[in-house]
C-alpha atoms as a PDB file:
ATOM      1  CA  MET A   1       8.496  56.545 168.346  1.00  0.00           C
ATOM      2  CA  ALA A   2      12.225  57.019 167.768  1.00  0.00           C
ATOM      3  CA  ARG A   3      12.614  53.258 167.801  1.00  0.00           C
ATOM      4  CA  LYS A   4      10.241  52.810 164.840  1.00  0.00           C
ATOM      5  CA  GLY A   5      12.152  55.400 162.817  1.00  0.00           C
ATOM      6  CA  ALA A   6      15.472  53.707 163.539  1.00  0.00           C
ATOM      7  CA  SER A   7      14.182  50.323 162.388  1.00  0.00           C
ATOM      8  CA  PHE A   8      12.743  51.925 159.244  1.00  0.00           C
ATOM      9  CA  LEU A   9      16.086  53.540 158.415  1.00  0.00           C
ATOM     10  CA  GLY A  10      17.940  50.289 159.140  1.00  0.00           C
ATOM     11  CA  GLU A  11      15.637  48.328 156.843  1.00  0.00           C
ATOM     12  CA  THR A  12      15.951  50.979 154.145  1.00  0.00           C
ATOM     13  CA  TRP A  13      19.770  50.766 154.239  1.00  0.00           C
ATOM     14  CA  GLN A  14      19.575  46.961 154.068  1.00  0.00           C
ATOM     15  CA  LEU A  15      17.320  47.229 151.026  1.00  0.00           C
ATOM     16  CA  ILE A  16      19.616  49.741 149.317  1.00  0.00           C
ATOM     17  CA  GLY A  17      22.618  47.500 150.039  1.00  0.00           C
ATOM     18  CA  ALA A  18      20.855  44.421 148.608  1.00  0.00           C
ATOM     19  CA  VAL A  19      19.799  46.272 145.451  1.00  0.00           C
ATOM     20  CA  GLY A  20      23.339  47.671 145.088  1.00  0.00           C
ATOM     21  CA  ARG A  21      24.897  44.173 145.347  1.00  0.00           C
ATOM     22  CA  ALA A  22      22.425  42.771 142.810  1.00  0.00           C
ATOM     23  CA  MET A  23      23.003  45.601 140.352  1.00  0.00           C
ATOM     24  CA  GLY A  24      26.774  45.260 140.792  1.00  0.00           C
ATOM     25  CA  MET A  25      26.553  41.593 139.803  1.00  0.00           C
ATOM     26  CA  THR A  26      24.399  42.560 136.818  1.00  0.00           C
ATOM     27  CA  PHE A  27      26.892  45.181 135.620  1.00  0.00           C
ATOM     28  CA  ARG A  28      29.839  42.784 136.022  1.00  0.00           C
ATOM     29  CA  ASN A  29      28.134  40.157 133.874  1.00  0.00           C
ATOM     30  CA  PHE A  30      26.787  42.685 131.372  1.00  0.00           C
ATOM     31  CA  PHE A  31      30.177  43.088 129.687  1.00  0.00           C
ATOM     32  CA  ARG A  32      31.118  39.402 129.763  1.00  0.00           C
ATOM     33  CA  ARG A  33      31.057  37.331 126.563  1.00  0.00           C
ATOM     34  CA  PRO A  34      28.071  34.961 126.371  1.00  0.00           C
ATOM     35  CA  VAL A  35      28.812  31.266 126.681  1.00  0.00           C
ATOM     36  CA  THR A  36      26.498  29.655 124.169  1.00  0.00           C
ATOM     37  CA  LEU A  37      27.011  26.357 122.387  1.00  0.00           C
ATOM     38  CA  GLN A  38      25.341  25.697 119.072  1.00  0.00           C
ATOM     39  CA  TYR A  39      23.905  22.429 120.408  1.00  0.00           C
ATOM     40  CA  PRO A  40      23.275  20.104 117.488  1.00  0.00           C
ATOM     41  CA  THR A  41      26.626  20.794 115.860  1.00  0.00           C
ATOM     42  CA  VAL A  42      28.776  21.428 118.955  1.00  0.00           C
ATOM     43  CA  LYS A  43      28.610  18.798 121.686  1.00  0.00           C
ATOM     44  CA  ARG A  44      29.141  19.860 125.275  1.00  0.00           C
ATOM     45  CA  VAL A  45      31.716  18.024 127.381  1.00  0.00           C
ATOM     46  CA  TYR A  46      30.000  16.794 130.522  1.00  0.00           C
ATOM     47  CA  PRO A  47      31.695  16.551 133.912  1.00  0.00           C
ATOM     48  CA  ASP A  48      32.629  13.110 135.240  1.00  0.00           C
ATOM     49  CA  ARG A  49      29.760  12.989 137.717  1.00  0.00           C
ATOM     50  CA  PHE A  50      27.058  13.984 135.234  1.00  0.00           C
ATOM     51  CA  ARG A  51      23.896  11.916 135.722  1.00  0.00           C
ATOM     52  CA  GLY A  52      21.929  11.523 132.528  1.00  0.00           C
ATOM     53  CA  ILE A  53      19.377   9.032 131.276  1.00  0.00           C
ATOM     54  CA  LEU A  54      19.162   5.453 132.513  1.00  0.00           C
ATOM     55  CA  ALA A  55      20.103   2.298 130.636  1.00  0.00           C
ATOM     56  CA  LEU A  56      20.480  -1.449 131.126  1.00  0.00           C
ATOM     57  CA  THR A  57      23.767  -3.308 130.677  1.00  0.00           C
ATOM     58  CA  TYR A  58      25.051  -6.630 129.402  1.00  0.00           C
ATOM     59  CA  ASP A  59      27.754  -8.817 130.912  1.00  0.00           C
ATOM     60  CA  HIS A  60      30.856  -8.309 128.750  1.00  0.00           C
ATOM     61  CA  ASP A  61      32.119 -11.859 129.297  1.00  0.00           C
ATOM     62  CA  THR A  62      28.980 -13.889 128.583  1.00  0.00           C
ATOM     63  CA  GLY A  63      26.902 -11.420 126.559  1.00  0.00           C
ATOM     64  CA  GLU A  64      23.885 -12.000 128.824  1.00  0.00           C
ATOM     65  CA  GLU A  65      21.900  -9.191 130.377  1.00  0.00           C
ATOM     66  CA  ASN A  66      22.875  -8.295 133.931  1.00  0.00           C
ATOM     67  CA  CYS A  67      19.341  -7.738 135.255  1.00  0.00           C
ATOM     68  CA  ILE A  68      18.165 -10.614 137.437  1.00  0.00           C
ATOM     69  CA  GLY A  69      14.671  -9.222 137.990  1.00  0.00           C
ATOM     70  CA  CYS A  70      15.122  -8.711 141.737  1.00  0.00           C
ATOM     71  CA  ARG A  71      12.843  -5.628 141.597  1.00  0.00           C
ATOM     72  CA  LEU A  72      14.920  -3.647 144.110  1.00  0.00           C
ATOM     73  CA  CYS A  73      15.001  -0.703 141.693  1.00  0.00           C
ATOM     74  CA  GLU A  74      11.212  -0.828 141.444  1.00  0.00           C
ATOM     75  CA  PHE A  75      10.770  -0.822 145.215  1.00  0.00           C
ATOM     76  CA  ILE A  76      13.201   2.034 145.928  1.00  0.00           C
ATOM     77  CA  CYS A  77      12.056   4.362 143.115  1.00  0.00           C
ATOM     78  CA  PRO A  78      10.376   7.427 144.730  1.00  0.00           C
ATOM     79  CA  PRO A  79       8.036   8.282 141.799  1.00  0.00           C
ATOM     80  CA  GLN A  80       7.435   4.547 141.045  1.00  0.00           C
ATOM     81  CA  VAL A  81       8.359   4.811 137.352  1.00  0.00           C
ATOM     82  CA  ILE A  82      10.117   1.423 137.079  1.00  0.00           C
ATOM     83  CA  LYS A  83       8.121  -1.759 136.517  1.00  0.00           C
ATOM     84  CA  VAL A  84       9.882  -5.146 136.489  1.00  0.00           C
ATOM     85  CA  GLU A  85       8.416  -8.596 135.954  1.00  0.00           C
ATOM     86  CA  MET A  86      10.671 -11.492 136.950  1.00  0.00           C
ATOM     87  CA  LEU A  87      11.091 -14.741 135.019  1.00  0.00           C
ATOM     88  CA  LYS A  88      12.453 -17.598 137.131  1.00  0.00           C
ATOM     89  CA  ALA A  89      14.823 -20.045 135.473  1.00  0.00           C
ATOM     90  CA  GLU A  90      16.917 -22.969 136.724  1.00  0.00           C
ATOM     91  CA  LYS A  91      20.312 -21.256 136.747  1.00  0.00           C
ATOM     92  CA  ARG A  92      19.287 -17.657 137.460  1.00  0.00           C
ATOM     93  CA  ASN A  93      16.372 -15.253 137.333  1.00  0.00           C
ATOM     94  CA  TRP A  94      15.753 -12.845 134.456  1.00  0.00           C
ATOM     95  CA  ALA A  95      13.745  -9.709 133.923  1.00  0.00           C
ATOM     96  CA  LYS A  96      10.881 -10.752 131.662  1.00  0.00           C
ATOM     97  CA  THR A  97       9.789  -7.142 131.230  1.00  0.00           C
ATOM     98  CA  PHE A  98      11.484  -3.951 132.354  1.00  0.00           C
ATOM     99  CA  THR A  99       9.758  -0.641 131.678  1.00  0.00           C
ATOM    100  CA  LEU A 100      10.847   2.839 132.683  1.00  0.00           C
ATOM    101  CA  GLU A 101       8.700   5.970 132.410  1.00  0.00           C
ATOM    102  CA  LEU A 102      11.506   8.444 131.759  1.00  0.00           C
ATOM    103  CA  TYR A 103       9.139  11.419 131.544  1.00  0.00           C
ATOM    104  CA  SER A 104       8.450  11.092 135.288  1.00  0.00           C
ATOM    105  CA  CYS A 105      11.929  10.034 136.435  1.00  0.00           C
ATOM    106  CA  GLU A 106      13.592  12.234 139.061  1.00  0.00           C
ATOM    107  CA  PHE A 107      17.131  11.070 138.141  1.00  0.00           C
ATOM    108  CA  CYS A 108      17.844  10.492 141.828  1.00  0.00           C
ATOM    109  CA  GLU A 109      20.173   7.530 141.103  1.00  0.00           C
ATOM    110  CA  LEU A 110      18.666   5.386 143.869  1.00  0.00           C
ATOM    111  CA  CYS A 111      17.916   2.567 141.422  1.00  0.00           C
ATOM    112  CA  VAL A 112      21.571   2.559 140.356  1.00  0.00           C
ATOM    113  CA  GLN A 113      22.781   2.475 143.949  1.00  0.00           C
ATOM    114  CA  VAL A 114      20.588  -0.431 144.999  1.00  0.00           C
ATOM    115  CA  CYS A 115      21.191  -2.709 141.971  1.00  0.00           C
ATOM    116  CA  PRO A 116      23.270  -5.729 143.125  1.00  0.00           C
ATOM    117  CA  THR A 117      24.445  -6.668 139.608  1.00  0.00           C
ATOM    118  CA  ASP A 118      25.112  -3.180 138.172  1.00  0.00           C
ATOM    119  CA  ALA A 119      22.396  -3.865 135.599  1.00  0.00           C
ATOM    120  CA  ILE A 120      20.995  -0.333 135.591  1.00  0.00           C
ATOM    121  CA  ILE A 121      23.356   2.584 135.036  1.00  0.00           C
ATOM    122  CA  MET A 122      23.207   6.285 134.274  1.00  0.00           C
ATOM    123  CA  LEU A 123      24.671   7.577 131.031  1.00  0.00           C
ATOM    124  CA  LYS A 124      26.548  10.754 130.164  1.00  0.00           C
ATOM    125  CA  THR A 125      23.799  11.996 127.881  1.00  0.00           C
ATOM    126  CA  PHE A 126      20.316  13.433 127.971  1.00  0.00           C
ATOM    127  CA  ASP A 127      19.632  13.332 124.222  1.00  0.00           C
ATOM    128  CA  LEU A 128      16.135  11.880 124.163  1.00  0.00           C
ATOM    129  CA  ALA A 129      14.181  15.042 123.381  1.00  0.00           C
ATOM    130  CA  THR A 130      10.882  14.313 121.695  1.00  0.00           C
ATOM    131  CA  ALA A 131       7.460  15.842 121.237  1.00  0.00           C
ATOM    132  CA  ASP A 132       5.657  12.567 121.987  1.00  0.00           C
ATOM    133  CA  ARG A 133       5.547  11.310 125.583  1.00  0.00           C
ATOM    134  CA  ARG A 134       5.047   7.735 124.424  1.00  0.00           C
ATOM    135  CA  GLU A 135       8.627   7.705 123.175  1.00  0.00           C
ATOM    136  CA  MET A 136       9.788   8.361 126.739  1.00  0.00           C
ATOM    137  CA  LEU A 137       8.255   5.086 127.914  1.00  0.00           C
ATOM    138  CA  LEU A 138      11.310   2.854 127.581  1.00  0.00           C
ATOM    139  CA  ASP A 139      11.141  -0.936 127.461  1.00  0.00           C
ATOM    140  CA  LYS A 140      13.927  -3.443 128.062  1.00  0.00           C
ATOM    141  CA  ASP A 141      15.144  -3.538 124.453  1.00  0.00           C
ATOM    142  CA  ARG A 142      15.344   0.255 124.176  1.00  0.00           C
ATOM    143  CA  LEU A 143      17.168   0.513 127.527  1.00  0.00           C
ATOM    144  CA  HIS A 144      19.743  -2.057 126.366  1.00  0.00           C
ATOM    145  CA  ALA A 145      20.206  -0.195 123.069  1.00  0.00           C
ATOM    146  CA  LEU A 146      20.791   3.071 124.946  1.00  0.00           C
ATOM    147  CA  GLY A 147      23.393   1.361 127.137  1.00  0.00           C
ATOM    148  CA  LEU A 148      25.317   0.247 124.062  1.00  0.00           C
ATOM    149  CA  GLU A 149      24.934   3.565 122.226  1.00  0.00           C
ATOM    150  CA  HIS A 150      26.105   6.110 124.837  1.00  0.00           C
ATOM    151  CA  PRO A 151      29.041   6.207 127.301  1.00  0.00           C
ATOM    152  CA  ALA A 152      28.295   5.245 130.882  1.00  0.00           C
ATOM    153  CA  SER A 153      28.595   7.617 133.791  1.00  0.00           C
ATOM    154  CA  TRP A 154      31.359   7.090 136.338  1.00  0.00           C
ATOM    155  CA  ALA A 155      29.143   5.505 138.957  1.00  0.00           C
ATOM    156  CA  THR A 156      27.738   2.030 139.163  1.00  0.00           C
ATOM    157  CA  GLY A 157      25.932   0.539 142.135  1.00  0.00           C
ATOM    158  CA  ASN A 158      28.982  -1.340 143.421  1.00  0.00           C
ATOM    159  CA  ARG A 159      31.271   1.693 143.100  1.00  0.00           C
ATOM    160  CA  LEU A 160      28.784   3.903 144.930  1.00  0.00           C
ATOM    161  CA  ARG A 161      28.370   1.366 147.735  1.00  0.00           C
ATOM    162  CA  ASP A 162      32.151   1.046 148.070  1.00  0.00           C
ATOM    163  CA  MET A 163      32.438   4.832 148.368  1.00  0.00           C
ATOM    164  CA  GLN A 164      29.788   5.005 151.077  1.00  0.00           C
ATOM    165  CA  ALA A 165      31.157   2.114 153.119  1.00  0.00           C
ATOM    166  CA  PRO A 166      33.289   3.249 156.031  1.00  0.00           C
ATOM    167  CA  PRO A 167      37.008   2.637 155.534  1.00  0.00           C
ATOM    168  CA  LYS A 168      38.506  -0.428 157.123  1.00  0.00           C
ATOM    169  CA  ALA A 169      40.255   0.326 160.374  1.00  0.00           C
ATOM    170  CA  VAL A 170      44.006  -0.169 160.256  1.00  0.00           C
ATOM    171  CA  LYS A 171      45.235  -2.127 163.231  1.00  0.00           C
ATOM    172  CA  THR A 172      48.540  -0.849 164.466  1.00  0.00           C
ATOM    173  CA  GLU A 173      50.550  -1.960 167.388  1.00  0.00           C
ATOM    174  CA  ALA A 174      53.075   0.479 168.697  1.00  0.00           C
ATOM    175  CA  LYS A 175      56.115  -1.043 170.242  1.00  0.00           C
ATOM    176  CA  VAL A 176      58.220   1.345 172.132  1.00  0.00           C
ATOM    177  CA  GLU A 177      61.856   0.387 171.995  1.00  0.00           C
ATOM    178  CA  ALA A 178      64.530   1.465 174.325  1.00  0.00           C
ATOM    179  CA  GLY A 179      65.536   4.273 171.943  1.00  0.00           C
ATOM    180  CA  GLY A 180      62.051   5.824 172.071  1.00  0.00           C
ATOM    181  CA  LYS A 181      61.041   4.932 168.480  1.00  0.00           C
ATOM    182  CA  ALA A 182      57.616   3.508 167.716  1.00  0.00           C
ATOM    183  CA  GLU A 183      57.172   0.834 165.051  1.00  0.00           C
ATOM    184  CA  ALA A 184      53.872   0.146 163.360  1.00  0.00           C
ATOM    185  CA  LYS A 185      53.042  -3.440 162.533  1.00  0.00           C
ATOM    186  CA  GLU A 186      50.944  -4.047 159.413  1.00  0.00           C
ATOM    187  CA  PRO A 187      48.057  -6.494 159.852  1.00  0.00           C
ATOM    188  CA  ALA A 188      48.243  -9.758 157.950  1.00  0.00           C
ATOM    189  CA  GLU A 189      45.610  -9.954 155.208  1.00  0.00           C
END
């Protein structure tokens, strides 16, 4: 019987402590100035790793689109919102159609990571608010226009793969001289 009372008192003190910590946080923030941006007129500065909407890119040297229609982005997409139809040509393949249902996109960045030609990128914006869902169904032309209109995020597929690859091992050979010093020999590249 005494054991039940002790557990009740212990739980009561835990509850009082939790409520006290929560109310303390509330009172600390109650006197703080609000941080509100007047959105249409004042633009927010996004952090470097902000992941916004998706876009397609062009090759800066040739002016051709980078997408080769390999469909890797379509296969890896968890909600299956990307649809690609490939057009085979003599020199290289092209994406005949590329559609993206942005209203169902999870913004997981898997399509960006898997793209071998850095054709699909994430932008530093989210400004596609609309009342009509049909405007969130993006085709190839609209995705290219978005890529030219807004700044790109820091990450492309090749940069992300380079970050995730393990570092190359440095081969060192220690030669112990008579004086007790060790010299490291750089590998020839």
